[in-house]
Amino acid sequence: MERYLVTGGAGFIGSNICRRLVKEGAFVRVLDNLSTGKKSNLDDIIGSLEFVEGDMGDEATARRCMKGIDIVLHQGALPSVPRSVEDPAATHQHCVDATFTLLIAARDAKVRRFVYAASSSAYGDSPTLPKTESMLPNPLSPYAAAKLFGEYYCSVFSKIFGLETISLRYFNVFGPYQNPKSQYAAAIPAFVTSILNDRPPTIYGDGEQSRDFTYVENVVEANLLAARAPKTCGEVINIACGQRITLNEVIRLINRILGKDIRPIYAPPRAGDVKHSLADIQKAQKLIGYKPVVSFEEGLRRAIDWYKKNLL
């Protein structure tokens, strides 16, 4: 039986990963300080995993949680570009320092594989599309820089210490258990819940910015493929659908699915936001056999169904 440690396992992506691992019969240990995650996200599977409430950046906690672990799926972070602009020190602590602490603990515990949740924000606002992993990074926010630092540390720990690592650059993940109520809420949960409640959603900018939105089940699949792939050596790969859609188009599609016509409110663009995002996923296909398992529109319908059942 594979033994997994999922950091940030009570968060949006982490809880979805845990649900899949439990279903497959794996041993799952979750480490989460509940600063942004919620233990209730794991209510349906809490009896089938080991939950540790603690700070992943604390050395003693990190070492304790690594004991007996084969694979680390490191999802924990302080997410949000706007939040990192407001409080860059906290972002550095919870992303860079904590990742380094976990890598040291994983190395010393002889963990076999360390899968890191990286971010497409590393690419910055280069006009070149699609984004390929060979492009020079150009982070525009403290969050993007912090996530990029984590990639570099993963690569170094692979080359110098022999810890098998791989970094997955997520592109605009959405789906069940994503919190729409935070002031830093991602676009789709914020849009969906506004329209469900007959309130105009807010778009920062003109709405013509585009994103390669990625339903969370694709990210779960990518993590398991990365965990079980042949030997990895610090590679970085894009995880997305390889298609893009503008925010205005997303609003129109949500309205169509819900049979509504709620027009958005436009606000000034936010610092650190990029204009366009689109992934080249060929490297992920070659390296770990990744391909999207849920399309954007199907994912959006599933997400809307979940929000209708759980938030209204």
C-alpha atoms as a PDB file:
ATOM      1  CA  MET A   1       0.000   0.000   0.000  1.00  0.00           C
ATOM      2  CA  GLU A   2       1.352   3.414  -0.974  1.00  0.00           C
ATOM      3  CA  ARG A   3       1.660   5.834   1.924  1.00  0.00           C
ATOM      4  CA  TYR A   4       0.949   9.478   1.130  1.00  0.00           C
ATOM      5  CA  LEU A   5       1.413  12.757   2.958  1.00  0.00           C
ATOM      6  CA  VAL A   6      -0.842  15.487   1.547  1.00  0.00           C
ATOM      7  CA  THR A   7       0.086  18.948   2.802  1.00  0.00           C
ATOM      8  CA  GLY A   8      -2.802  21.389   2.671  1.00  0.00           C
ATOM      9  CA  GLY A   9      -5.085  18.362   2.510  1.00  0.00           C
ATOM     10  CA  ALA A  10      -8.021  20.259   4.025  1.00  0.00           C
ATOM     11  CA  GLY A  11      -7.881  22.834   1.245  1.00  0.00           C
ATOM     12  CA  PHE A  12      -9.632  22.919  -2.098  1.00  0.00           C
ATOM     13  CA  ILE A  13      -7.227  20.882  -4.229  1.00  0.00           C
ATOM     14  CA  GLY A  14      -5.827  18.845  -1.352  1.00  0.00           C
ATOM     15  CA  SER A  15      -9.214  17.579  -0.188  1.00  0.00           C
ATOM     16  CA  ASN A  16     -10.082  16.452  -3.712  1.00  0.00           C
ATOM     17  CA  ILE A  17      -6.785  14.569  -3.912  1.00  0.00           C
ATOM     18  CA  CYS A  18      -7.401  12.927  -0.533  1.00  0.00           C
ATOM     19  CA  ARG A  19     -10.856  11.798  -1.636  1.00  0.00           C
ATOM     20  CA  ARG A  20      -9.367  10.025  -4.648  1.00  0.00           C
ATOM     21  CA  LEU A  21      -6.542   8.417  -2.639  1.00  0.00           C
ATOM     22  CA  VAL A  22      -8.930   7.120   0.031  1.00  0.00           C
ATOM     23  CA  LYS A  23     -11.164   5.696  -2.676  1.00  0.00           C
ATOM     24  CA  GLU A  24      -8.163   3.828  -4.087  1.00  0.00           C
ATOM     25  CA  GLY A  25      -7.320   2.383  -0.666  1.00  0.00           C
ATOM     26  CA  ALA A  26      -4.070   4.265  -0.063  1.00  0.00           C
ATOM     27  CA  PHE A  27      -2.801   5.330   3.364  1.00  0.00           C
ATOM     28  CA  VAL A  28      -3.313   9.104   3.618  1.00  0.00           C
ATOM     29  CA  ARG A  29      -1.876  11.481   6.192  1.00  0.00           C
ATOM     30  CA  VAL A  30      -2.993  15.109   5.980  1.00  0.00           C
ATOM     31  CA  LEU A  31      -0.985  18.014   7.378  1.00  0.00           C
ATOM     32  CA  ASP A  32      -2.875  21.307   7.498  1.00  0.00           C
ATOM     33  CA  ASN A  33      -2.892  24.294   9.853  1.00  0.00           C
ATOM     34  CA  LEU A  34      -6.427  25.238   8.724  1.00  0.00           C
ATOM     35  CA  SER A  35      -5.422  28.829   7.988  1.00  0.00           C
ATOM     36  CA  THR A  36      -7.178  28.628   4.619  1.00  0.00           C
ATOM     37  CA  GLY A  37      -8.371  25.008   4.506  1.00  0.00           C
ATOM     38  CA  LYS A  38     -11.366  23.651   6.402  1.00  0.00           C
ATOM     39  CA  LYS A  39     -11.497  20.310   8.167  1.00  0.00           C
ATOM     40  CA  SER A  40     -15.135  20.062   7.102  1.00  0.00           C
ATOM     41  CA  ASN A  41     -13.858  19.632   3.524  1.00  0.00           C
ATOM     42  CA  LEU A  42     -12.848  16.133   4.640  1.00  0.00           C
ATOM     43  CA  ASP A  43     -15.990  15.240   6.585  1.00  0.00           C
ATOM     44  CA  ASP A  44     -16.953  12.391   4.275  1.00  0.00           C
ATOM     45  CA  ILE A  45     -13.538  10.688   4.514  1.00  0.00           C
ATOM     46  CA  ILE A  46     -12.090  11.858   7.845  1.00  0.00           C
ATOM     47  CA  GLY A  47     -12.415   8.365   9.344  1.00  0.00           C
ATOM     48  CA  SER A  48     -10.326   6.904   6.530  1.00  0.00           C
ATOM     49  CA  LEU A  49      -7.241   9.086   6.920  1.00  0.00           C
ATOM     50  CA  GLU A  50      -4.847  10.431   9.531  1.00  0.00           C
ATOM     51  CA  PHE A  51      -5.266  14.154  10.165  1.00  0.00           C
ATOM     52  CA  VAL A  52      -2.509  16.275  11.708  1.00  0.00           C
ATOM     53  CA  GLU A  53      -3.356  19.878  12.515  1.00  0.00           C
ATOM     54  CA  GLY A  54      -0.068  21.722  12.437  1.00  0.00           C
ATOM     55  CA  ASP A  55       2.232  24.077  10.578  1.00  0.00           C
ATOM     56  CA  MET A  56       4.119  22.424   7.719  1.00  0.00           C
ATOM     57  CA  GLY A  57       6.868  25.017   8.180  1.00  0.00           C
ATOM     58  CA  ASP A  58       7.575  23.787  11.696  1.00  0.00           C
ATOM     59  CA  GLU A  59      10.596  21.486  11.517  1.00  0.00           C
ATOM     60  CA  ALA A  60       9.494  19.063  14.236  1.00  0.00           C
ATOM     61  CA  THR A  61       6.013  18.747  12.751  1.00  0.00           C
ATOM     62  CA  ALA A  62       7.383  18.232   9.244  1.00  0.00           C
ATOM     63  CA  ARG A  63       9.754  15.498  10.414  1.00  0.00           C
ATOM     64  CA  ARG A  64       7.042  13.746  12.408  1.00  0.00           C
ATOM     65  CA  CYS A  65       4.675  13.741   9.445  1.00  0.00           C
ATOM     66  CA  MET A  66       7.296  12.319   7.060  1.00  0.00           C
ATOM     67  CA  LYS A  67       7.749   9.117   9.048  1.00  0.00           C
ATOM     68  CA  GLY A  68       6.780   6.066   7.020  1.00  0.00           C
ATOM     69  CA  ILE A  69       5.751   8.129   3.980  1.00  0.00           C
ATOM     70  CA  ASP A  70       6.494   7.057   0.394  1.00  0.00           C
ATOM     71  CA  ILE A  71       5.112  10.030  -1.526  1.00  0.00           C
ATOM     72  CA  VAL A  72       4.521  13.671  -0.579  1.00  0.00           C
ATOM     73  CA  LEU A  73       1.871  15.625  -2.477  1.00  0.00           C
ATOM     74  CA  HIS A  74       2.742  19.160  -1.402  1.00  0.00           C
ATOM     75  CA  GLN A  75      -0.394  21.266  -1.945  1.00  0.00           C
ATOM     76  CA  GLY A  76      -0.016  23.509   1.095  1.00  0.00           C
ATOM     77  CA  ALA A  77       0.586  27.226   0.484  1.00  0.00           C
ATOM     78  CA  LEU A  78      -0.879  30.641   1.161  1.00  0.00           C
ATOM     79  CA  PRO A  79      -2.717  31.001  -2.161  1.00  0.00           C
ATOM     80  CA  SER A  80      -3.804  34.207  -3.880  1.00  0.00           C
ATOM     81  CA  VAL A  81      -1.907  36.821  -5.855  1.00  0.00           C
ATOM     82  CA  PRO A  82      -3.778  39.790  -4.267  1.00  0.00           C
ATOM     83  CA  ARG A  83      -3.097  38.467  -0.777  1.00  0.00           C
ATOM     84  CA  SER A  84       0.616  38.157  -1.550  1.00  0.00           C
ATOM     85  CA  VAL A  85       0.702  41.776  -2.695  1.00  0.00           C
ATOM     86  CA  GLU A  86      -0.866  42.849   0.604  1.00  0.00           C
ATOM     87  CA  ASP A  87       1.327  40.619   2.789  1.00  0.00           C
ATOM     88  CA  PRO A  88       4.420  39.346   0.936  1.00  0.00           C
ATOM     89  CA  ALA A  89       6.180  38.261   4.138  1.00  0.00           C
ATOM     90  CA  ALA A  90       3.419  35.791   5.019  1.00  0.00           C
ATOM     91  CA  THR A  91       3.443  34.400   1.489  1.00  0.00           C
ATOM     92  CA  HIS A  92       7.211  33.882   1.658  1.00  0.00           C
ATOM     93  CA  GLN A  93       6.943  32.138   5.018  1.00  0.00           C
ATOM     94  CA  HIS A  94       4.144  29.760   4.013  1.00  0.00           C
ATOM     95  CA  CYS A  95       5.404  29.041   0.494  1.00  0.00           C
ATOM     96  CA  VAL A  96       9.210  29.318   0.363  1.00  0.00           C
ATOM     97  CA  ASP A  97      10.277  28.624   3.953  1.00  0.00           C
ATOM     98  CA  ALA A  98       7.715  25.867   4.487  1.00  0.00           C
ATOM     99  CA  THR A  99       8.584  24.120   1.219  1.00  0.00           C
ATOM    100  CA  PHE A 100      12.273  24.142   2.127  1.00  0.00           C
ATOM    101  CA  THR A 101      11.509  22.697   5.565  1.00  0.00           C
ATOM    102  CA  LEU A 102       9.420  19.917   4.010  1.00  0.00           C
ATOM    103  CA  LEU A 103      12.108  19.076   1.455  1.00  0.00           C
ATOM    104  CA  ILE A 104      14.727  18.721   4.195  1.00  0.00           C
ATOM    105  CA  ALA A 105      12.399  16.486   6.205  1.00  0.00           C
ATOM    106  CA  ALA A 106      11.521  14.409   3.111  1.00  0.00           C
ATOM    107  CA  ARG A 107      15.182  13.953   2.218  1.00  0.00           C
ATOM    108  CA  ASP A 108      16.100  12.843   5.720  1.00  0.00           C
ATOM    109  CA  ALA A 109      13.114  10.470   5.935  1.00  0.00           C
ATOM    110  CA  LYS A 110      14.106   8.917   2.595  1.00  0.00           C
ATOM    111  CA  VAL A 111      10.767   9.713   0.992  1.00  0.00           C
ATOM    112  CA  ARG A 112      10.681   8.292  -2.543  1.00  0.00           C
ATOM    113  CA  ARG A 113       8.827  11.056  -4.419  1.00  0.00           C
ATOM    114  CA  PHE A 114       7.981  14.704  -3.714  1.00  0.00           C
ATOM    115  CA  VAL A 115       5.265  16.190  -5.975  1.00  0.00           C
ATOM    116  CA  TYR A 116       5.078  19.977  -5.742  1.00  0.00           C
ATOM    117  CA  ALA A 117       2.070  22.143  -6.572  1.00  0.00           C
ATOM    118  CA  ALA A 118       3.670  24.893  -8.642  1.00  0.00           C
ATOM    119  CA  SER A 119       1.872  27.739 -10.399  1.00  0.00           C
ATOM    120  CA  SER A 120       1.444  29.047 -13.926  1.00  0.00           C
ATOM    121  CA  SER A 121       1.871  32.523 -12.422  1.00  0.00           C
ATOM    122  CA  ALA A 122       5.618  31.880 -12.812  1.00  0.00           C
ATOM    123  CA  TYR A 123       5.287  32.772 -16.502  1.00  0.00           C
ATOM    124  CA  GLY A 124       4.191  36.331 -15.811  1.00  0.00           C
ATOM    125  CA  ASP A 125       2.655  38.371 -18.598  1.00  0.00           C
ATOM    126  CA  SER A 126       4.735  37.310 -21.585  1.00  0.00           C
ATOM    127  CA  PRO A 127       2.647  37.709 -24.767  1.00  0.00           C
ATOM    128  CA  THR A 128       3.923  34.362 -26.061  1.00  0.00           C
ATOM    129  CA  LEU A 129       1.216  31.690 -26.164  1.00  0.00           C
ATOM    130  CA  PRO A 130       1.012  28.870 -25.361  1.00  0.00           C
ATOM    131  CA  LYS A 131       3.253  28.825 -22.307  1.00  0.00           C
ATOM    132  CA  THR A 132       5.973  26.185 -22.547  1.00  0.00           C
ATOM    133  CA  GLU A 133       8.182  25.043 -19.684  1.00  0.00           C
ATOM    134  CA  SER A 134      11.317  26.182 -21.542  1.00  0.00           C
ATOM    135  CA  MET A 135      10.221  29.843 -21.361  1.00  0.00           C
ATOM    136  CA  LEU A 136      12.110  32.141 -19.014  1.00  0.00           C
ATOM    137  CA  PRO A 137      10.000  32.714 -15.878  1.00  0.00           C
ATOM    138  CA  ASN A 138       8.894  36.280 -15.156  1.00  0.00           C
ATOM    139  CA  PRO A 139       6.874  36.354 -11.894  1.00  0.00           C
ATOM    140  CA  LEU A 140       4.818  39.496 -11.371  1.00  0.00           C
ATOM    141  CA  SER A 141       3.731  38.983  -7.746  1.00  0.00           C
ATOM    142  CA  PRO A 142       5.203  37.762  -4.468  1.00  0.00           C
ATOM    143  CA  TYR A 143       3.023  34.648  -4.772  1.00  0.00           C
ATOM    144  CA  ALA A 144       4.395  33.856  -8.232  1.00  0.00           C
ATOM    145  CA  ALA A 145       7.962  34.409  -7.056  1.00  0.00           C
ATOM    146  CA  ALA A 146       7.452  32.266  -3.955  1.00  0.00           C
ATOM    147  CA  LYS A 147       6.010  29.371  -5.949  1.00  0.00           C
ATOM    148  CA  LEU A 148       8.895  29.634  -8.410  1.00  0.00           C
ATOM    149  CA  PHE A 149      11.397  29.437  -5.542  1.00  0.00           C
ATOM    150  CA  GLY A 150       9.762  26.154  -4.558  1.00  0.00           C
ATOM    151  CA  GLU A 151      10.351  24.773  -8.057  1.00  0.00           C
ATOM    152  CA  TYR A 152      14.018  25.704  -7.870  1.00  0.00           C
ATOM    153  CA  TYR A 153      14.423  24.037  -4.483  1.00  0.00           C
ATOM    154  CA  CYS A 154      12.706  20.876  -5.764  1.00  0.00           C
ATOM    155  CA  SER A 155      15.080  20.751  -8.714  1.00  0.00           C
ATOM    156  CA  VAL A 156      18.141  21.270  -6.522  1.00  0.00           C
ATOM    157  CA  PHE A 157      17.083  18.610  -4.014  1.00  0.00           C
ATOM    158  CA  SER A 158      16.693  16.171  -6.894  1.00  0.00           C
ATOM    159  CA  LYS A 159      20.086  16.950  -8.432  1.00  0.00           C
ATOM    160  CA  ILE A 160      22.102  17.205  -5.217  1.00  0.00           C
ATOM    161  CA  PHE A 161      20.384  14.852  -2.794  1.00  0.00           C
ATOM    162  CA  GLY A 162      18.681  12.345  -5.098  1.00  0.00           C
ATOM    163  CA  LEU A 163      15.165  13.095  -3.855  1.00  0.00           C
ATOM    164  CA  GLU A 164      12.808  12.407  -6.748  1.00  0.00           C
ATOM    165  CA  THR A 165      10.820  15.602  -7.295  1.00  0.00           C
ATOM    166  CA  ILE A 166       8.474  16.964  -9.922  1.00  0.00           C
ATOM    167  CA  SER A 167       6.718  20.341 -10.076  1.00  0.00           C
ATOM    168  CA  LEU A 168       3.236  20.685 -11.550  1.00  0.00           C
ATOM    169  CA  ARG A 169       2.427  24.180 -12.793  1.00  0.00           C
ATOM    170  CA  TYR A 170      -1.326  24.438 -12.277  1.00  0.00           C
ATOM    171  CA  PHE A 171      -3.355  26.701 -14.534  1.00  0.00           C
ATOM    172  CA  ASN A 172      -6.435  28.323 -12.944  1.00  0.00           C
ATOM    173  CA  VAL A 173      -7.888  25.346 -11.105  1.00  0.00           C
ATOM    174  CA  PHE A 174     -11.588  25.330 -10.189  1.00  0.00           C
ATOM    175  CA  GLY A 175     -14.194  22.922  -8.870  1.00  0.00           C
ATOM    176  CA  PRO A 176     -15.910  21.551  -5.733  1.00  0.00           C
ATOM    177  CA  TYR A 177     -14.684  22.720  -2.312  1.00  0.00           C
ATOM    178  CA  GLN A 178     -13.179  25.945  -3.684  1.00  0.00           C
ATOM    179  CA  ASN A 179     -14.124  28.729  -1.293  1.00  0.00           C
ATOM    180  CA  PRO A 180     -16.190  31.471  -3.011  1.00  0.00           C
ATOM    181  CA  LYS A 181     -16.569  33.596   0.117  1.00  0.00           C
ATOM    182  CA  SER A 182     -12.976  34.695   0.662  1.00  0.00           C
ATOM    183  CA  GLN A 183     -12.093  38.245  -0.327  1.00  0.00           C
ATOM    184  CA  TYR A 184      -9.420  36.546  -2.449  1.00  0.00           C
ATOM    185  CA  ALA A 185     -11.843  34.116  -4.110  1.00  0.00           C
ATOM    186  CA  ALA A 186     -10.870  32.773  -7.514  1.00  0.00           C
ATOM    187  CA  ALA A 187     -12.845  33.895 -10.530  1.00  0.00           C
ATOM    188  CA  ILE A 188     -15.148  30.960 -11.221  1.00  0.00           C
ATOM    189  CA  PRO A 189     -16.510  30.313  -7.704  1.00  0.00           C
ATOM    190  CA  ALA A 190     -16.988  34.059  -7.266  1.00  0.00           C
ATOM    191  CA  PHE A 191     -18.794  34.353 -10.614  1.00  0.00           C
ATOM    192  CA  VAL A 192     -20.976  31.286 -10.078  1.00  0.00           C
ATOM    193  CA  THR A 193     -22.125  32.177  -6.582  1.00  0.00           C
ATOM    194  CA  SER A 194     -22.864  35.786  -7.578  1.00  0.00           C
ATOM    195  CA  ILE A 195     -25.013  34.706 -10.518  1.00  0.00           C
ATOM    196  CA  LEU A 196     -26.723  31.977  -8.479  1.00  0.00           C
ATOM    197  CA  ASN A 197     -27.743  34.726  -6.033  1.00  0.00           C
ATOM    198  CA  ASP A 198     -28.784  37.136  -8.825  1.00  0.00           C
ATOM    199  CA  ARG A 199     -25.939  39.517  -8.050  1.00  0.00           C
ATOM    200  CA  PRO A 200     -23.682  40.987 -10.750  1.00  0.00           C
ATOM    201  CA  PRO A 201     -20.230  39.367 -10.626  1.00  0.00           C
ATOM    202  CA  THR A 202     -17.167  41.612 -10.537  1.00  0.00           C
ATOM    203  CA  ILE A 203     -14.556  41.386 -13.277  1.00  0.00           C
ATOM    204  CA  TYR A 204     -11.218  43.117 -12.666  1.00  0.00           C
ATOM    205  CA  GLY A 205     -10.306  44.587 -16.039  1.00  0.00           C
ATOM    206  CA  ASP A 206     -12.280  44.541 -19.293  1.00  0.00           C
ATOM    207  CA  GLY A 207     -13.092  40.829 -19.174  1.00  0.00           C
ATOM    208  CA  GLU A 208     -11.192  40.075 -22.362  1.00  0.00           C
ATOM    209  CA  GLN A 209      -8.327  38.534 -20.382  1.00  0.00           C
ATOM    210  CA  SER A 210      -8.238  34.795 -21.013  1.00  0.00           C
ATOM    211  CA  ARG A 211      -7.423  31.773 -18.878  1.00  0.00           C
ATOM    212  CA  ASP A 212      -6.717  28.084 -19.353  1.00  0.00           C
ATOM    213  CA  PHE A 213      -9.220  27.055 -16.663  1.00  0.00           C
ATOM    214  CA  THR A 214      -8.576  23.548 -15.340  1.00  0.00           C
ATOM    215  CA  TYR A 215     -11.208  21.466 -13.579  1.00  0.00           C
ATOM    216  CA  VAL A 216      -9.843  20.031 -10.336  1.00  0.00           C
ATOM    217  CA  GLU A 217     -10.256  16.384 -11.371  1.00  0.00           C
ATOM    218  CA  ASN A 218      -7.581  16.978 -14.008  1.00  0.00           C
ATOM    219  CA  VAL A 219      -5.206  18.174 -11.296  1.00  0.00           C
ATOM    220  CA  VAL A 220      -6.003  15.168  -9.093  1.00  0.00           C
ATOM    221  CA  GLU A 221      -5.246  12.872 -12.016  1.00  0.00           C
ATOM    222  CA  ALA A 222      -1.972  14.707 -12.677  1.00  0.00           C
ATOM    223  CA  ASN A 223      -0.836  14.311  -9.063  1.00  0.00           C
ATOM    224  CA  LEU A 224      -1.425  10.573  -9.098  1.00  0.00           C
ATOM    225  CA  LEU A 225       0.308  10.179 -12.450  1.00  0.00           C
ATOM    226  CA  ALA A 226       3.265  12.222 -11.178  1.00  0.00           C
ATOM    227  CA  ALA A 227       3.422  10.139  -7.999  1.00  0.00           C
ATOM    228  CA  ARG A 228       3.492   6.864  -9.922  1.00  0.00           C
ATOM    229  CA  ALA A 229       5.531   7.806 -12.997  1.00  0.00           C
ATOM    230  CA  PRO A 230       8.977   6.315 -13.623  1.00  0.00           C
ATOM    231  CA  LYS A 231      11.863   8.126 -11.957  1.00  0.00           C
ATOM    232  CA  THR A 232      11.590  11.909 -11.879  1.00  0.00           C
ATOM    233  CA  CYS A 233      14.490  14.332 -11.569  1.00  0.00           C
ATOM    234  CA  GLY A 234      13.215  17.790 -10.725  1.00  0.00           C
ATOM    235  CA  GLU A 235      11.210  18.374 -13.888  1.00  0.00           C
ATOM    236  CA  VAL A 236       8.594  21.109 -14.285  1.00  0.00           C
ATOM    237  CA  ILE A 237       5.407  20.427 -16.277  1.00  0.00           C
ATOM    238  CA  ASN A 238       2.223  22.327 -17.110  1.00  0.00           C
ATOM    239  CA  ILE A 239      -1.105  20.946 -15.888  1.00  0.00           C
ATOM    240  CA  ALA A 240      -4.075  22.427 -17.743  1.00  0.00           C
ATOM    241  CA  CYS A 241      -6.513  21.705 -20.557  1.00  0.00           C
ATOM    242  CA  GLY A 242      -4.591  23.432 -23.349  1.00  0.00           C
ATOM    243  CA  GLN A 243      -7.530  25.717 -24.203  1.00  0.00           C
ATOM    244  CA  ARG A 244      -8.410  29.245 -23.146  1.00  0.00           C
ATOM    245  CA  ILE A 245     -11.565  31.262 -22.647  1.00  0.00           C
ATOM    246  CA  THR A 246     -12.128  34.930 -21.779  1.00  0.00           C
ATOM    247  CA  LEU A 247     -13.758  35.958 -18.520  1.00  0.00           C
ATOM    248  CA  ASN A 248     -16.591  37.574 -20.462  1.00  0.00           C
ATOM    249  CA  GLU A 249     -17.211  34.243 -22.187  1.00  0.00           C
ATOM    250  CA  VAL A 250     -17.187  32.442 -18.823  1.00  0.00           C
ATOM    251  CA  ILE A 251     -19.878  34.814 -17.519  1.00  0.00           C
ATOM    252  CA  ARG A 252     -21.997  34.215 -20.625  1.00  0.00           C
ATOM    253  CA  LEU A 253     -21.627  30.433 -20.273  1.00  0.00           C
ATOM    254  CA  ILE A 254     -22.572  30.442 -16.577  1.00  0.00           C
ATOM    255  CA  ASN A 255     -25.653  32.505 -17.401  1.00  0.00           C
ATOM    256  CA  ARG A 256     -26.602  30.104 -20.168  1.00  0.00           C
ATOM    257  CA  ILE A 257     -26.218  27.020 -17.967  1.00  0.00           C
ATOM    258  CA  LEU A 258     -28.310  28.643 -15.215  1.00  0.00           C
ATOM    259  CA  GLY A 259     -30.874  30.205 -17.563  1.00  0.00           C
ATOM    260  CA  LYS A 260     -30.057  33.726 -16.348  1.00  0.00           C
ATOM    261  CA  ASP A 261     -28.780  37.013 -17.743  1.00  0.00           C
ATOM    262  CA  ILE A 262     -26.786  38.698 -14.981  1.00  0.00           C
ATOM    263  CA  ARG A 263     -24.362  41.278 -16.364  1.00  0.00           C
ATOM    264  CA  PRO A 264     -20.960  41.789 -14.695  1.00  0.00           C
ATOM    265  CA  ILE A 265     -19.560  44.880 -13.037  1.00  0.00           C
ATOM    266  CA  TYR A 266     -16.127  45.947 -14.279  1.00  0.00           C
ATOM    267  CA  ALA A 267     -13.477  47.170 -11.827  1.00  0.00           C
ATOM    268  CA  PRO A 268      -9.875  48.339 -12.354  1.00  0.00           C
ATOM    269  CA  PRO A 269      -7.340  45.563 -13.048  1.00  0.00           C
ATOM    270  CA  ARG A 270      -5.509  44.160 -10.011  1.00  0.00           C
ATOM    271  CA  ALA A 271      -1.748  44.360  -9.503  1.00  0.00           C
ATOM    272  CA  GLY A 272      -0.012  41.115 -10.385  1.00  0.00           C
ATOM    273  CA  ASP A 273      -2.767  39.727 -12.624  1.00  0.00           C
ATOM    274  CA  VAL A 274      -1.721  38.485 -16.066  1.00  0.00           C
ATOM    275  CA  LYS A 275      -3.624  39.245 -19.263  1.00  0.00           C
ATOM    276  CA  HIS A 276      -3.621  35.883 -21.032  1.00  0.00           C
ATOM    277  CA  SER A 277      -2.819  32.337 -20.013  1.00  0.00           C
ATOM    278  CA  LEU A 278      -2.658  29.181 -22.122  1.00  0.00           C
ATOM    279  CA  ALA A 279      -0.639  26.030 -21.492  1.00  0.00           C
ATOM    280  CA  ASP A 280       1.280  23.727 -23.764  1.00  0.00           C
ATOM    281  CA  ILE A 281       0.732  20.304 -22.118  1.00  0.00           C
ATOM    282  CA  GLN A 282       2.866  18.158 -24.434  1.00  0.00           C
ATOM    283  CA  LYS A 283       5.661  17.719 -21.882  1.00  0.00           C
ATOM    284  CA  ALA A 284       3.206  16.475 -19.250  1.00  0.00           C
ATOM    285  CA  GLN A 285       1.788  14.021 -21.770  1.00  0.00           C
ATOM    286  CA  LYS A 286       5.257  12.653 -22.565  1.00  0.00           C
ATOM    287  CA  LEU A 287       6.628  12.592 -19.022  1.00  0.00           C
ATOM    288  CA  ILE A 288       3.726  11.259 -16.956  1.00  0.00           C
ATOM    289  CA  GLY A 289       1.057  10.360 -19.526  1.00  0.00           C
ATOM    290  CA  TYR A 290      -1.187  13.278 -18.558  1.00  0.00           C
ATOM    291  CA  LYS A 291      -4.183  14.341 -20.582  1.00  0.00           C
ATOM    292  CA  PRO A 292      -7.290  16.222 -19.430  1.00  0.00           C
ATOM    293  CA  VAL A 293     -10.046  13.898 -18.244  1.00  0.00           C
ATOM    294  CA  VAL A 294     -12.739  16.610 -17.881  1.00  0.00           C
ATOM    295  CA  SER A 295     -13.311  19.446 -20.368  1.00  0.00           C
ATOM    296  CA  PHE A 296     -13.817  23.036 -19.248  1.00  0.00           C
ATOM    297  CA  GLU A 297     -17.539  23.165 -19.984  1.00  0.00           C
ATOM    298  CA  GLU A 298     -18.232  19.808 -18.346  1.00  0.00           C
ATOM    299  CA  GLY A 299     -16.162  20.877 -15.333  1.00  0.00           C
ATOM    300  CA  LEU A 300     -18.083  24.147 -15.115  1.00  0.00           C
ATOM    301  CA  ARG A 301     -21.406  22.276 -15.109  1.00  0.00           C
ATOM    302  CA  ARG A 302     -20.147  19.987 -12.327  1.00  0.00           C
ATOM    303  CA  ALA A 303     -18.880  22.928 -10.305  1.00  0.00           C
ATOM    304  CA  ILE A 304     -22.183  24.782 -10.673  1.00  0.00           C
ATOM    305  CA  ASP A 305     -24.085  21.674  -9.533  1.00  0.00           C
ATOM    306  CA  TRP A 306     -21.854  21.406  -6.470  1.00  0.00           C
ATOM    307  CA  TYR A 307     -22.302  25.078  -5.541  1.00  0.00           C
ATOM    308  CA  LYS A 308     -26.065  24.803  -5.957  1.00  0.00           C
ATOM    309  CA  LYS A 309     -26.179  21.845  -3.571  1.00  0.00           C
ATOM    310  CA  ASN A 310     -23.698  23.086  -0.999  1.00  0.00           C
ATOM    311  CA  LEU A 311     -23.874  26.875  -0.877  1.00  0.00           C
ATOM    312  CA  LEU A 312     -27.469  27.922  -1.485  1.00  0.00           C
END
